[in-house]
N, C-alpha and C. Protein backbone atom coordinates (compact mmCIF):
# COMPACT_ATOMS: atom_id res chain seq x y z
N UNK A 1 -106.83 -91.82 33.61
CA UNK A 1 -106.54 -93.01 34.39
C UNK A 1 -106.29 -94.18 33.44
N UNK A 2 -105.31 -94.97 33.78
CA UNK A 2 -104.97 -96.14 32.97
C UNK A 2 -105.18 -97.40 33.80
N UNK A 3 -105.75 -98.42 33.17
CA UNK A 3 -106.03 -99.69 33.86
C UNK A 3 -104.95 -100.71 33.53
N UNK A 4 -104.71 -101.61 34.44
CA UNK A 4 -103.86 -102.76 34.19
C UNK A 4 -104.80 -103.90 33.86
N UNK A 5 -104.88 -104.27 32.59
CA UNK A 5 -105.88 -105.25 32.16
C UNK A 5 -105.66 -106.63 32.79
N UNK A 6 -104.41 -107.04 32.96
CA UNK A 6 -104.14 -108.35 33.58
C UNK A 6 -104.59 -108.35 35.04
N UNK A 7 -104.30 -107.28 35.75
CA UNK A 7 -104.71 -107.18 37.15
C UNK A 7 -106.24 -107.12 37.26
N UNK A 8 -106.85 -106.36 36.37
CA UNK A 8 -108.31 -106.26 36.35
C UNK A 8 -108.93 -107.63 36.14
N UNK A 9 -108.41 -108.35 35.14
CA UNK A 9 -108.96 -109.66 34.83
C UNK A 9 -108.80 -110.63 36.00
N UNK A 10 -107.67 -110.55 36.70
CA UNK A 10 -107.39 -111.46 37.81
C UNK A 10 -108.13 -111.08 39.09
N UNK A 11 -108.23 -109.79 39.38
CA UNK A 11 -108.74 -109.35 40.68
C UNK A 11 -110.17 -108.81 40.66
N UNK A 12 -110.71 -108.54 39.50
CA UNK A 12 -112.04 -107.94 39.44
C UNK A 12 -113.02 -108.79 38.65
N UNK A 13 -112.84 -110.10 38.69
CA UNK A 13 -113.72 -111.01 37.96
C UNK A 13 -115.16 -110.91 38.45
N UNK A 14 -115.35 -110.46 39.68
CA UNK A 14 -116.72 -110.32 40.20
C UNK A 14 -117.56 -109.38 39.35
N UNK A 15 -116.91 -108.45 38.64
CA UNK A 15 -117.65 -107.49 37.83
C UNK A 15 -118.44 -108.23 36.75
N UNK A 16 -117.77 -109.07 35.96
CA UNK A 16 -118.49 -109.79 34.91
C UNK A 16 -119.24 -111.00 35.45
N UNK A 17 -118.78 -111.59 36.56
CA UNK A 17 -119.50 -112.73 37.13
C UNK A 17 -120.89 -112.29 37.61
N UNK A 18 -120.99 -111.10 38.21
CA UNK A 18 -122.31 -110.59 38.64
C UNK A 18 -123.13 -110.16 37.42
N UNK A 19 -122.47 -109.68 36.39
CA UNK A 19 -123.17 -109.24 35.20
C UNK A 19 -123.76 -110.38 34.38
N UNK A 20 -123.25 -111.60 34.58
CA UNK A 20 -123.75 -112.76 33.83
C UNK A 20 -125.25 -112.96 34.02
N UNK A 21 -125.74 -112.64 35.21
CA UNK A 21 -127.17 -112.84 35.48
C UNK A 21 -128.04 -111.92 34.62
N UNK A 22 -127.47 -110.84 34.13
CA UNK A 22 -128.23 -109.91 33.28
C UNK A 22 -128.36 -110.41 31.84
N UNK A 23 -127.53 -111.36 31.45
CA UNK A 23 -127.58 -111.85 30.07
C UNK A 23 -128.92 -112.50 29.74
N UNK A 24 -129.53 -113.16 30.70
CA UNK A 24 -130.84 -113.77 30.43
C UNK A 24 -131.89 -112.68 30.19
N UNK A 25 -131.76 -111.56 30.87
CA UNK A 25 -132.70 -110.45 30.65
C UNK A 25 -132.43 -109.77 29.31
N UNK A 26 -131.18 -109.70 28.93
CA UNK A 26 -130.82 -109.12 27.64
C UNK A 26 -131.33 -110.01 26.51
N UNK A 27 -131.22 -111.32 26.72
CA UNK A 27 -131.70 -112.31 25.76
C UNK A 27 -131.20 -112.02 24.34
N UNK A 28 -129.87 -111.98 24.17
CA UNK A 28 -129.33 -111.66 22.85
C UNK A 28 -129.72 -112.70 21.81
N UNK A 29 -130.02 -112.23 20.62
CA UNK A 29 -130.48 -113.09 19.53
C UNK A 29 -129.50 -113.02 18.35
N UNK A 30 -129.40 -114.11 17.60
CA UNK A 30 -128.55 -114.09 16.41
C UNK A 30 -128.93 -112.93 15.48
N UNK A 31 -127.91 -112.23 15.01
CA UNK A 31 -128.14 -111.12 14.09
C UNK A 31 -128.35 -109.78 14.75
N UNK A 32 -128.65 -109.75 16.04
CA UNK A 32 -128.79 -108.46 16.74
C UNK A 32 -127.44 -107.77 16.83
N UNK A 33 -127.45 -106.46 16.89
CA UNK A 33 -126.25 -105.67 17.10
C UNK A 33 -126.31 -105.11 18.51
N UNK A 34 -125.31 -105.42 19.32
CA UNK A 34 -125.30 -105.01 20.73
C UNK A 34 -124.02 -104.24 21.02
N UNK A 35 -124.17 -103.10 21.66
CA UNK A 35 -123.06 -102.26 22.05
C UNK A 35 -122.78 -102.47 23.54
N UNK A 36 -121.58 -102.92 23.86
CA UNK A 36 -121.18 -103.14 25.25
C UNK A 36 -120.27 -102.00 25.67
N UNK A 37 -120.85 -101.00 26.32
CA UNK A 37 -120.09 -99.84 26.80
C UNK A 37 -119.37 -100.20 28.09
N UNK A 38 -118.09 -99.89 28.15
CA UNK A 38 -117.31 -100.25 29.33
C UNK A 38 -117.10 -101.75 29.38
N UNK A 39 -116.72 -102.33 28.26
CA UNK A 39 -116.64 -103.79 28.14
C UNK A 39 -115.52 -104.41 28.97
N UNK A 40 -114.61 -103.58 29.47
CA UNK A 40 -113.52 -104.13 30.27
C UNK A 40 -112.71 -105.12 29.45
N UNK A 41 -112.44 -106.30 30.01
CA UNK A 41 -111.63 -107.30 29.33
C UNK A 41 -112.46 -108.25 28.48
N UNK A 42 -113.73 -107.97 28.31
CA UNK A 42 -114.54 -108.61 27.29
C UNK A 42 -115.23 -109.93 27.60
N UNK A 43 -115.24 -110.36 28.85
CA UNK A 43 -115.88 -111.63 29.16
C UNK A 43 -117.37 -111.65 28.82
N UNK A 44 -118.08 -110.61 29.20
CA UNK A 44 -119.52 -110.57 28.90
C UNK A 44 -119.75 -110.37 27.40
N UNK A 45 -118.91 -109.60 26.76
CA UNK A 45 -119.02 -109.42 25.31
C UNK A 45 -118.90 -110.77 24.61
N UNK A 46 -117.95 -111.58 25.06
CA UNK A 46 -117.74 -112.90 24.45
C UNK A 46 -118.96 -113.79 24.66
N UNK A 47 -119.55 -113.74 25.84
CA UNK A 47 -120.75 -114.55 26.10
C UNK A 47 -121.92 -114.10 25.23
N UNK A 48 -122.05 -112.80 25.05
CA UNK A 48 -123.11 -112.28 24.19
C UNK A 48 -122.88 -112.75 22.76
N UNK A 49 -121.63 -112.70 22.30
CA UNK A 49 -121.30 -113.11 20.94
C UNK A 49 -121.61 -114.59 20.71
N UNK A 50 -121.50 -115.41 21.74
CA UNK A 50 -121.81 -116.84 21.61
C UNK A 50 -123.27 -117.08 21.23
N UNK A 51 -124.12 -116.10 21.49
CA UNK A 51 -125.53 -116.22 21.13
C UNK A 51 -125.76 -116.00 19.64
N UNK A 52 -124.73 -115.51 18.96
CA UNK A 52 -124.87 -115.18 17.54
C UNK A 52 -125.07 -113.70 17.29
N UNK A 53 -125.21 -112.93 18.36
CA UNK A 53 -125.35 -111.48 18.22
C UNK A 53 -124.01 -110.87 17.80
N UNK A 54 -124.07 -109.75 17.11
CA UNK A 54 -122.88 -109.00 16.73
C UNK A 54 -122.59 -108.00 17.84
N UNK A 55 -121.45 -108.13 18.51
CA UNK A 55 -121.14 -107.29 19.67
C UNK A 55 -120.00 -106.33 19.34
N UNK A 56 -120.19 -105.09 19.73
CA UNK A 56 -119.13 -104.09 19.66
C UNK A 56 -118.83 -103.67 21.08
N UNK A 57 -117.60 -103.92 21.51
CA UNK A 57 -117.19 -103.55 22.86
C UNK A 57 -116.39 -102.26 22.84
N UNK A 58 -116.73 -101.35 23.72
CA UNK A 58 -116.01 -100.09 23.86
C UNK A 58 -115.54 -99.93 25.29
N UNK A 59 -114.34 -99.41 25.45
CA UNK A 59 -113.81 -99.11 26.77
C UNK A 59 -112.88 -97.91 26.62
N UNK A 60 -112.75 -97.13 27.67
CA UNK A 60 -111.92 -95.93 27.59
C UNK A 60 -110.43 -96.24 27.64
N UNK A 61 -110.06 -97.46 27.98
CA UNK A 61 -108.66 -97.82 28.10
C UNK A 61 -108.26 -98.80 27.00
N UNK A 62 -107.26 -98.46 26.23
CA UNK A 62 -106.85 -99.29 25.10
C UNK A 62 -106.32 -100.65 25.54
N UNK A 63 -105.71 -100.74 26.72
CA UNK A 63 -105.22 -102.04 27.21
C UNK A 63 -106.38 -102.98 27.49
N UNK A 64 -107.49 -102.44 27.95
CA UNK A 64 -108.67 -103.27 28.20
C UNK A 64 -109.22 -103.79 26.88
N UNK A 65 -109.25 -102.96 25.86
CA UNK A 65 -109.74 -103.38 24.55
C UNK A 65 -108.85 -104.48 23.97
N UNK A 66 -107.54 -104.32 24.09
CA UNK A 66 -106.62 -105.34 23.58
C UNK A 66 -106.84 -106.67 24.30
N UNK A 67 -107.04 -106.63 25.62
CA UNK A 67 -107.31 -107.86 26.36
C UNK A 67 -108.65 -108.45 25.96
N UNK A 68 -109.63 -107.60 25.73
CA UNK A 68 -110.96 -108.07 25.29
C UNK A 68 -110.84 -108.79 23.95
N UNK A 69 -110.04 -108.28 23.04
CA UNK A 69 -109.84 -108.93 21.75
C UNK A 69 -109.24 -110.31 21.92
N UNK A 70 -108.30 -110.44 22.85
CA UNK A 70 -107.68 -111.74 23.13
C UNK A 70 -108.68 -112.71 23.73
N UNK A 71 -109.54 -112.19 24.60
CA UNK A 71 -110.54 -113.06 25.26
C UNK A 71 -111.62 -113.47 24.29
């Protein structure tokens, strides 16, 4: 299956918007290494990185990874 990253980002924002509430429980710290499996277009990965943590985002679709890099 192939995803349309632009469509995903535009129409499925609820995925990362609901996930934002989990960031306080994750409590990422500077210097931590965090693996974001199924990172999608990378919005949550970017928020985690803002904490100073080192984030590696993985997704099964290369278009999603490319969009995540842009985000």
